[in-house]
Amino acid sequence: MVFDIDVLIVFADKDDEANKNALGWVSQFKKFLELMLNQVLGEKSKILLKGEYDSITAPSLKNIGVLVTVLSKDFIQSGQCLDNVEAFCQANQSTDRIHNRVFKVFKTPLTTQEQPPRLRDLLGYELYQLDPESGEVREYTDYFSTEAERQYWMKMVDLAYDI
């Protein structure tokens, strides 16, 4: 089946707030995911953020190949985000491999109980920094550091291959 949109990224608006003329975290993630998928597939993928998808002319949710959810505390508190996940799952419920079409990306750590029930059993990708000594959690801001190469980029590669 050919999809109108290869990947739709659903996220809480707060998770894409930009600082100092830079792209927000989710916009950076989209940019890097596009690069990875282009390399893995050898062709350009159509990836949209949820805000880019929302319009009167938006195609049916059945015409989206993969749904990527960017999980954070703000995501799980957003009725809109949870509604988007539910709508995608409902629109594709006849698809026997729905679990292969929904992925969760952790912007911040969440326990299994904090995650939306629809997403709990799905494969997840942790894209945040965790300081092993202090236990402090930080967002990646330097995507080209040695630490980012070992953690962020390796998980991006895994995600691209799994999609």
N, C-alpha and C. Protein backbone atom coordinates (compact mmCIF):
# COMPACT_ATOMS: atom_id res chain seq x y z
N MET A 1 0.84 -1.19 0.00
CA MET A 1 0.00 0.00 0.00
C MET A 1 0.88 1.24 0.00
N VAL A 2 0.53 2.20 -0.82
CA VAL A 2 1.26 3.46 -0.88
C VAL A 2 0.52 4.46 0.00
N PHE A 3 1.28 5.18 0.81
CA PHE A 3 0.69 6.14 1.73
C PHE A 3 0.92 7.57 1.24
N ASP A 4 -0.03 8.45 1.55
CA ASP A 4 0.13 9.87 1.22
C ASP A 4 1.23 10.49 2.08
N ILE A 5 1.30 10.05 3.33
CA ILE A 5 2.31 10.54 4.27
C ILE A 5 3.04 9.32 4.82
N ASP A 6 4.36 9.32 4.74
CA ASP A 6 5.13 8.19 5.25
C ASP A 6 5.16 8.17 6.77
N VAL A 7 5.42 9.32 7.38
CA VAL A 7 5.53 9.41 8.84
C VAL A 7 4.83 10.68 9.31
N LEU A 8 3.97 10.52 10.32
CA LEU A 8 3.36 11.65 11.00
C LEU A 8 3.88 11.67 12.43
N ILE A 9 4.41 12.82 12.85
CA ILE A 9 4.97 12.96 14.19
C ILE A 9 3.98 13.74 15.05
N VAL A 10 3.53 13.12 16.13
CA VAL A 10 2.58 13.73 17.06
C VAL A 10 3.34 14.08 18.33
N PHE A 11 3.12 15.31 18.84
CA PHE A 11 3.88 15.80 19.99
C PHE A 11 3.10 16.92 20.68
N ALA A 12 3.48 17.21 21.89
CA ALA A 12 2.92 18.35 22.61
C ALA A 12 3.61 19.62 22.11
N ASP A 13 2.85 20.67 21.88
CA ASP A 13 3.41 21.92 21.35
C ASP A 13 4.59 22.42 22.18
N LYS A 14 4.50 22.28 23.48
CA LYS A 14 5.56 22.77 24.36
C LYS A 14 6.90 22.08 24.08
N ASP A 15 6.86 20.85 23.56
CA ASP A 15 8.08 20.10 23.29
C ASP A 15 8.82 20.57 22.04
N ASP A 16 8.23 21.51 21.32
CA ASP A 16 8.90 22.04 20.14
C ASP A 16 9.17 23.54 20.24
N GLU A 17 9.12 24.06 21.45
CA GLU A 17 9.42 25.48 21.63
C GLU A 17 10.89 25.73 21.34
N ALA A 18 11.14 26.73 20.53
CA ALA A 18 12.51 27.04 20.11
C ALA A 18 13.16 28.03 21.08
N ASN A 19 14.47 27.92 21.18
CA ASN A 19 15.26 28.85 22.00
C ASN A 19 16.27 29.57 21.11
N LYS A 20 16.34 30.87 21.24
CA LYS A 20 17.38 31.68 20.58
C LYS A 20 17.53 31.40 19.09
N ASN A 21 16.47 31.56 18.34
CA ASN A 21 16.49 31.40 16.88
C ASN A 21 16.87 30.00 16.41
N ALA A 22 16.78 29.01 17.26
CA ALA A 22 17.08 27.63 16.87
C ALA A 22 15.77 26.88 16.66
N LEU A 23 15.85 25.77 15.96
CA LEU A 23 14.68 24.92 15.82
C LEU A 23 14.35 24.30 17.17
N GLY A 24 13.08 24.02 17.39
CA GLY A 24 12.67 23.31 18.60
C GLY A 24 13.11 21.86 18.55
N TRP A 25 12.99 21.18 19.68
CA TRP A 25 13.45 19.79 19.79
C TRP A 25 12.77 18.89 18.77
N VAL A 26 11.47 19.00 18.62
CA VAL A 26 10.74 18.12 17.70
C VAL A 26 11.10 18.45 16.25
N SER A 27 11.26 19.72 15.93
CA SER A 27 11.65 20.09 14.57
C SER A 27 13.04 19.56 14.24
N GLN A 28 13.95 19.61 15.21
CA GLN A 28 15.29 19.01 15.03
C GLN A 28 15.17 17.50 14.81
N PHE A 29 14.35 16.86 15.62
CA PHE A 29 14.13 15.42 15.50
C PHE A 29 13.62 15.08 14.10
N LYS A 30 12.64 15.84 13.61
CA LYS A 30 12.10 15.61 12.27
C LYS A 30 13.20 15.73 11.21
N LYS A 31 13.99 16.78 11.32
CA LYS A 31 15.08 17.01 10.36
C LYS A 31 16.04 15.82 10.34
N PHE A 32 16.43 15.35 11.51
CA PHE A 32 17.37 14.23 11.60
C PHE A 32 16.74 12.91 11.16
N LEU A 33 15.46 12.72 11.47
CA LEU A 33 14.77 11.50 11.04
C LEU A 33 14.68 11.47 9.51
N GLU A 34 14.40 12.62 8.90
CA GLU A 34 14.37 12.68 7.43
C GLU A 34 15.71 12.28 6.84
N LEU A 35 16.80 12.80 7.41
CA LEU A 35 18.14 12.43 6.93
C LEU A 35 18.37 10.93 7.04
N MET A 36 18.03 10.37 8.20
CA MET A 36 18.26 8.94 8.42
C MET A 36 17.42 8.07 7.48
N LEU A 37 16.14 8.40 7.35
CA LEU A 37 15.27 7.61 6.48
C LEU A 37 15.70 7.72 5.02
N ASN A 38 16.12 8.90 4.59
CA ASN A 38 16.61 9.06 3.22
C ASN A 38 17.81 8.16 2.96
N GLN A 39 18.70 8.05 3.95
CA GLN A 39 19.87 7.18 3.80
C GLN A 39 19.48 5.71 3.81
N VAL A 40 18.59 5.34 4.71
CA VAL A 40 18.20 3.93 4.84
C VAL A 40 17.39 3.47 3.64
N LEU A 41 16.44 4.30 3.20
CA LEU A 41 15.55 3.90 2.11
C LEU A 41 16.08 4.25 0.72
N GLY A 42 17.02 5.19 0.67
CA GLY A 42 17.55 5.61 -0.62
C GLY A 42 16.58 6.49 -1.39
N GLU A 43 15.58 7.02 -0.71
CA GLU A 43 14.63 7.92 -1.35
C GLU A 43 14.06 8.87 -0.31
N LYS A 44 13.49 9.97 -0.79
CA LYS A 44 12.94 10.97 0.12
C LYS A 44 11.61 10.50 0.70
N SER A 45 11.49 10.62 2.00
CA SER A 45 10.25 10.26 2.69
C SER A 45 9.44 11.51 2.98
N LYS A 46 8.14 11.37 2.98
CA LYS A 46 7.28 12.50 3.34
C LYS A 46 6.97 12.39 4.83
N ILE A 47 7.58 13.29 5.59
CA ILE A 47 7.41 13.31 7.05
C ILE A 47 6.78 14.64 7.42
N LEU A 48 5.72 14.57 8.21
CA LEU A 48 5.04 15.79 8.64
C LEU A 48 4.92 15.83 10.16
N LEU A 49 4.98 17.03 10.69
CA LEU A 49 4.63 17.25 12.09
C LEU A 49 3.11 17.38 12.15
N LYS A 50 2.52 17.06 13.28
CA LYS A 50 1.07 17.10 13.39
C LYS A 50 0.50 18.44 12.95
N GLY A 51 1.13 19.54 13.30
CA GLY A 51 0.65 20.86 12.90
C GLY A 51 0.65 21.08 11.39
N GLU A 52 1.57 20.44 10.69
CA GLU A 52 1.64 20.56 9.23
C GLU A 52 0.54 19.72 8.58
N TYR A 53 0.07 18.72 9.29
CA TYR A 53 -0.94 17.80 8.78
C TYR A 53 -2.35 18.37 8.96
N ASP A 54 -2.55 19.16 10.01
CA ASP A 54 -3.87 19.69 10.33
C ASP A 54 -4.31 20.74 9.32
N SER A 55 -5.24 20.37 8.51
CA SER A 55 -5.85 21.33 7.59
C SER A 55 -7.09 20.69 7.01
N ILE A 56 -7.87 21.48 6.34
CA ILE A 56 -9.10 20.98 5.74
C ILE A 56 -8.82 19.94 4.67
N THR A 57 -7.63 19.98 4.09
CA THR A 57 -7.29 19.05 3.01
C THR A 57 -6.45 17.87 3.49
N ALA A 58 -6.33 17.69 4.81
CA ALA A 58 -5.52 16.59 5.33
C ALA A 58 -6.08 15.25 4.86
N PRO A 59 -5.21 14.36 4.43
CA PRO A 59 -5.68 13.05 3.99
C PRO A 59 -6.17 12.21 5.17
N SER A 60 -6.82 11.15 4.87
CA SER A 60 -7.32 10.24 5.89
C SER A 60 -6.18 9.66 6.72
N LEU A 61 -6.46 9.37 7.99
CA LEU A 61 -5.45 8.75 8.84
C LEU A 61 -5.06 7.36 8.32
N LYS A 62 -5.89 6.78 7.48
CA LYS A 62 -5.55 5.48 6.89
C LYS A 62 -4.43 5.62 5.86
N ASN A 63 -4.18 6.85 5.43
CA ASN A 63 -3.14 7.10 4.42
C ASN A 63 -1.84 7.57 5.03
N ILE A 64 -1.64 7.26 6.31
CA ILE A 64 -0.38 7.56 6.99
C ILE A 64 0.31 6.23 7.26
N GLY A 65 1.56 6.12 6.82
CA GLY A 65 2.28 4.86 6.98
C GLY A 65 2.66 4.57 8.42
N VAL A 66 3.25 5.56 9.11
CA VAL A 66 3.78 5.35 10.45
C VAL A 66 3.43 6.57 11.31
N LEU A 67 3.05 6.30 12.55
CA LEU A 67 2.82 7.35 13.52
C LEU A 67 3.95 7.29 14.54
N VAL A 68 4.65 8.42 14.70
CA VAL A 68 5.71 8.53 15.72
C VAL A 68 5.21 9.49 16.79
N THR A 69 5.17 9.02 18.02
CA THR A 69 4.75 9.85 19.14
C THR A 69 5.97 10.28 19.93
N VAL A 70 6.05 11.57 20.23
CA VAL A 70 7.16 12.11 21.03
C VAL A 70 6.62 12.25 22.46
N LEU A 71 7.00 11.30 23.30
CA LEU A 71 6.44 11.23 24.64
C LEU A 71 7.19 12.10 25.64
N SER A 72 6.41 12.79 26.45
CA SER A 72 6.92 13.65 27.52
C SER A 72 5.77 13.82 28.50
N LYS A 73 6.03 14.48 29.60
CA LYS A 73 4.97 14.78 30.57
C LYS A 73 3.88 15.63 29.90
N ASP A 74 4.30 16.58 29.07
CA ASP A 74 3.32 17.42 28.38
C ASP A 74 2.46 16.62 27.41
N PHE A 75 3.03 15.63 26.75
CA PHE A 75 2.28 14.78 25.82
C PHE A 75 1.17 14.05 26.57
N ILE A 76 1.52 13.41 27.67
CA ILE A 76 0.51 12.59 28.37
C ILE A 76 -0.56 13.43 29.04
N GLN A 77 -0.30 14.74 29.21
CA GLN A 77 -1.31 15.64 29.79
C GLN A 77 -2.14 16.32 28.72
N SER A 78 -1.82 16.08 27.46
CA SER A 78 -2.51 16.72 26.35
C SER A 78 -3.61 15.81 25.80
N GLY A 79 -4.84 16.24 25.98
CA GLY A 79 -5.95 15.48 25.42
C GLY A 79 -5.86 15.38 23.91
N GLN A 80 -5.38 16.44 23.28
CA GLN A 80 -5.24 16.46 21.81
C GLN A 80 -4.27 15.38 21.34
N CYS A 81 -3.12 15.25 22.01
CA CYS A 81 -2.13 14.23 21.63
C CYS A 81 -2.72 12.83 21.78
N LEU A 82 -3.36 12.60 22.90
CA LEU A 82 -3.95 11.28 23.16
C LEU A 82 -5.07 10.99 22.16
N ASP A 83 -5.85 12.01 21.81
CA ASP A 83 -6.89 11.84 20.80
C ASP A 83 -6.30 11.49 19.44
N ASN A 84 -5.16 12.10 19.09
CA ASN A 84 -4.51 11.80 17.81
C ASN A 84 -4.07 10.35 17.74
N VAL A 85 -3.50 9.85 18.82
CA VAL A 85 -3.07 8.44 18.87
C VAL A 85 -4.28 7.53 18.73
N GLU A 86 -5.31 7.83 19.48
CA GLU A 86 -6.53 7.00 19.44
C GLU A 86 -7.15 7.03 18.05
N ALA A 87 -7.21 8.20 17.43
CA ALA A 87 -7.80 8.32 16.09
C ALA A 87 -7.01 7.50 15.07
N PHE A 88 -5.68 7.56 15.15
CA PHE A 88 -4.86 6.77 14.22
C PHE A 88 -5.12 5.28 14.42
N CYS A 89 -5.14 4.85 15.66
CA CYS A 89 -5.36 3.42 15.96
C CYS A 89 -6.75 2.98 15.51
N GLN A 90 -7.75 3.81 15.75
CA GLN A 90 -9.12 3.48 15.32
C GLN A 90 -9.22 3.41 13.79
N ALA A 91 -8.60 4.36 13.10
CA ALA A 91 -8.67 4.40 11.64
C ALA A 91 -7.97 3.20 11.02
N ASN A 92 -7.03 2.63 11.75
CA ASN A 92 -6.24 1.52 11.22
C ASN A 92 -6.47 0.22 11.97
N GLN A 93 -7.57 0.11 12.70
CA GLN A 93 -7.80 -1.07 13.52
C GLN A 93 -7.95 -2.35 12.71
N SER A 94 -8.33 -2.24 11.47
CA SER A 94 -8.45 -3.44 10.65
C SER A 94 -7.08 -3.95 10.19
N THR A 95 -6.07 -3.10 10.36
CA THR A 95 -4.71 -3.50 9.99
C THR A 95 -4.16 -4.42 11.07
N ASP A 96 -3.77 -5.61 10.69
CA ASP A 96 -3.31 -6.58 11.69
C ASP A 96 -1.93 -6.25 12.24
N ARG A 97 -1.21 -5.33 11.62
CA ARG A 97 0.14 -5.01 12.09
C ARG A 97 0.23 -3.56 12.57
N ILE A 98 -0.78 -3.10 13.28
CA ILE A 98 -0.80 -1.71 13.76
C ILE A 98 0.39 -1.44 14.67
N HIS A 99 0.83 -2.45 15.45
CA HIS A 99 1.97 -2.25 16.34
C HIS A 99 3.26 -1.98 15.57
N ASN A 100 3.34 -2.39 14.33
CA ASN A 100 4.52 -2.12 13.50
C ASN A 100 4.45 -0.73 12.87
N ARG A 101 3.37 0.00 13.12
CA ARG A 101 3.19 1.30 12.48
C ARG A 101 3.12 2.45 13.48
N VAL A 102 3.26 2.14 14.76
CA VAL A 102 3.25 3.18 15.79
C VAL A 102 4.53 3.03 16.61
N PHE A 103 5.26 4.14 16.74
CA PHE A 103 6.52 4.12 17.49
C PHE A 103 6.49 5.23 18.53
N LYS A 104 7.14 4.98 19.64
CA LYS A 104 7.22 6.02 20.67
C LYS A 104 8.66 6.42 20.89
N VAL A 105 8.85 7.73 20.90
CA VAL A 105 10.16 8.34 21.14
C VAL A 105 10.04 9.07 22.47
N PHE A 106 10.94 8.78 23.39
CA PHE A 106 10.91 9.42 24.70
C PHE A 106 11.80 10.66 24.68
N LYS A 107 11.16 11.82 24.82
CA LYS A 107 11.92 13.07 24.97
C LYS A 107 12.38 13.20 26.41
N THR A 108 11.59 12.66 27.31
CA THR A 108 11.92 12.62 28.74
C THR A 108 11.51 11.25 29.27
N PRO A 109 12.08 10.83 30.38
CA PRO A 109 11.72 9.51 30.90
C PRO A 109 10.28 9.47 31.42
N LEU A 110 9.62 8.36 31.16
CA LEU A 110 8.28 8.10 31.67
C LEU A 110 8.22 6.64 32.11
N THR A 111 7.57 6.39 33.21
CA THR A 111 7.38 5.00 33.63
C THR A 111 6.33 4.37 32.73
N THR A 112 6.25 3.07 32.76
CA THR A 112 5.24 2.36 31.97
C THR A 112 3.85 2.82 32.35
N GLN A 113 3.60 3.01 33.64
CA GLN A 113 2.28 3.43 34.11
C GLN A 113 1.92 4.83 33.64
N GLU A 114 2.90 5.70 33.44
CA GLU A 114 2.64 7.07 32.98
C GLU A 114 2.30 7.11 31.49
N GLN A 115 2.71 6.11 30.74
CA GLN A 115 2.49 6.09 29.30
C GLN A 115 1.03 5.81 28.98
N PRO A 116 0.53 6.38 27.89
CA PRO A 116 -0.84 6.06 27.47
C PRO A 116 -0.99 4.56 27.26
N PRO A 117 -2.10 3.97 27.70
CA PRO A 117 -2.29 2.52 27.58
C PRO A 117 -2.07 1.98 26.18
N ARG A 118 -2.48 2.73 25.15
CA ARG A 118 -2.31 2.27 23.77
C ARG A 118 -0.84 2.10 23.39
N LEU A 119 0.05 2.81 24.08
CA LEU A 119 1.46 2.83 23.69
C LEU A 119 2.36 1.98 24.59
N ARG A 120 1.86 1.51 25.69
CA ARG A 120 2.70 0.85 26.69
C ARG A 120 3.50 -0.33 26.16
N ASP A 121 2.90 -1.13 25.32
CA ASP A 121 3.57 -2.36 24.85
C ASP A 121 4.42 -2.16 23.59
N LEU A 122 4.49 -0.93 23.11
CA LEU A 122 5.22 -0.67 21.87
C LEU A 122 6.70 -0.42 22.12
N LEU A 123 7.47 -0.65 21.10
CA LEU A 123 8.90 -0.39 21.13
C LEU A 123 9.15 1.11 21.30
N GLY A 124 10.09 1.47 22.19
CA GLY A 124 10.37 2.88 22.44
C GLY A 124 11.85 3.21 22.27
N TYR A 125 12.12 4.48 22.02
CA TYR A 125 13.47 4.97 21.79
C TYR A 125 13.72 6.15 22.72
N GLU A 126 14.68 6.01 23.62
CA GLU A 126 14.98 7.05 24.60
C GLU A 126 15.97 8.04 23.99
N LEU A 127 15.51 9.26 23.74
CA LEU A 127 16.33 10.28 23.10
C LEU A 127 16.59 11.45 24.04
N TYR A 128 17.03 11.13 25.21
CA TYR A 128 17.41 12.14 26.20
C TYR A 128 18.71 11.69 26.85
N GLN A 129 19.37 12.63 27.51
CA GLN A 129 20.62 12.31 28.20
C GLN A 129 20.31 12.03 29.66
N LEU A 130 20.93 11.02 30.20
CA LEU A 130 20.81 10.69 31.60
C LEU A 130 22.21 10.64 32.19
N ASP A 131 22.50 11.54 33.10
CA ASP A 131 23.80 11.57 33.76
C ASP A 131 23.84 10.41 34.75
N PRO A 132 24.73 9.43 34.52
CA PRO A 132 24.76 8.24 35.38
C PRO A 132 25.15 8.54 36.83
N GLU A 133 25.90 9.61 37.03
CA GLU A 133 26.35 9.94 38.38
C GLU A 133 25.27 10.68 39.18
N SER A 134 24.66 11.69 38.56
CA SER A 134 23.68 12.50 39.29
C SER A 134 22.24 12.05 39.07
N GLY A 135 22.01 11.29 37.99
CA GLY A 135 20.64 10.89 37.65
C GLY A 135 19.85 11.99 36.97
N GLU A 136 20.52 13.11 36.68
CA GLU A 136 19.86 14.25 36.05
C GLU A 136 19.55 13.95 34.58
N VAL A 137 18.36 14.35 34.15
CA VAL A 137 17.92 14.15 32.77
C VAL A 137 18.04 15.49 32.04
N ARG A 138 18.64 15.44 30.85
CA ARG A 138 18.79 16.65 30.02
C ARG A 138 18.39 16.32 28.59
N GLU A 139 17.84 17.34 27.94
CA GLU A 139 17.57 17.22 26.51
C GLU A 139 18.88 17.38 25.76
N TYR A 140 18.95 16.74 24.61
CA TYR A 140 20.11 16.96 23.74
C TYR A 140 19.99 18.35 23.14
N THR A 141 21.04 19.12 23.24
CA THR A 141 21.11 20.42 22.57
C THR A 141 22.32 20.44 21.63
N ASP A 142 23.33 19.66 21.96
CA ASP A 142 24.50 19.51 21.09
C ASP A 142 24.41 18.13 20.45
N TYR A 143 23.85 18.11 19.26
CA TYR A 143 23.58 16.85 18.59
C TYR A 143 24.82 16.22 17.97
N PHE A 144 25.95 16.91 18.05
CA PHE A 144 27.15 16.40 17.41
C PHE A 144 28.28 16.15 18.40
N SER A 145 27.94 16.07 19.67
CA SER A 145 28.93 15.75 20.70
C SER A 145 29.22 14.25 20.67
N THR A 146 30.29 13.86 21.34
CA THR A 146 30.64 12.44 21.43
C THR A 146 29.52 11.66 22.10
N GLU A 147 28.94 12.24 23.15
CA GLU A 147 27.83 11.60 23.87
C GLU A 147 26.63 11.41 22.95
N ALA A 148 26.31 12.41 22.17
CA ALA A 148 25.17 12.32 21.24
C ALA A 148 25.42 11.25 20.18
N GLU A 149 26.65 11.15 19.72
CA GLU A 149 26.97 10.13 18.73
C GLU A 149 26.72 8.73 19.27
N ARG A 150 27.04 8.53 20.53
CA ARG A 150 26.88 7.20 21.13
C ARG A 150 25.43 6.88 21.46
N GLN A 151 24.66 7.88 21.84
CA GLN A 151 23.30 7.60 22.30
C GLN A 151 22.24 8.07 21.31
N TYR A 152 22.13 9.35 21.08
CA TYR A 152 21.07 9.91 20.25
C TYR A 152 21.11 9.33 18.84
N TRP A 153 22.26 9.42 18.19
CA TRP A 153 22.35 8.99 16.79
C TRP A 153 22.18 7.49 16.62
N MET A 154 22.66 6.71 17.56
CA MET A 154 22.48 5.26 17.45
C MET A 154 21.00 4.89 17.54
N LYS A 155 20.28 5.59 18.40
CA LYS A 155 18.84 5.32 18.52
C LYS A 155 18.08 5.83 17.31
N MET A 156 18.54 6.93 16.71
CA MET A 156 17.94 7.43 15.48
C MET A 156 18.12 6.41 14.35
N VAL A 157 19.29 5.82 14.29
CA VAL A 157 19.55 4.78 13.28
C VAL A 157 18.61 3.60 13.50
N ASP A 158 18.49 3.16 14.76
CA ASP A 158 17.59 2.04 15.08
C ASP A 158 16.16 2.37 14.66
N LEU A 159 15.70 3.58 14.99
CA LEU A 159 14.34 3.99 14.63
C LEU A 159 14.15 3.98 13.11
N ALA A 160 15.09 4.54 12.39
CA ALA A 160 14.99 4.59 10.93
C ALA A 160 14.89 3.19 10.33
N TYR A 161 15.69 2.26 10.83
CA TYR A 161 15.64 0.90 10.32
C TYR A 161 14.34 0.20 10.71
N ASP A 162 13.82 0.49 11.89
CA ASP A 162 12.57 -0.15 12.34
C ASP A 162 11.36 0.37 11.58
N ILE A 163 11.42 1.66 11.20
CA ILE A 163 10.30 2.22 10.43
C ILE A 163 10.27 1.56 9.07
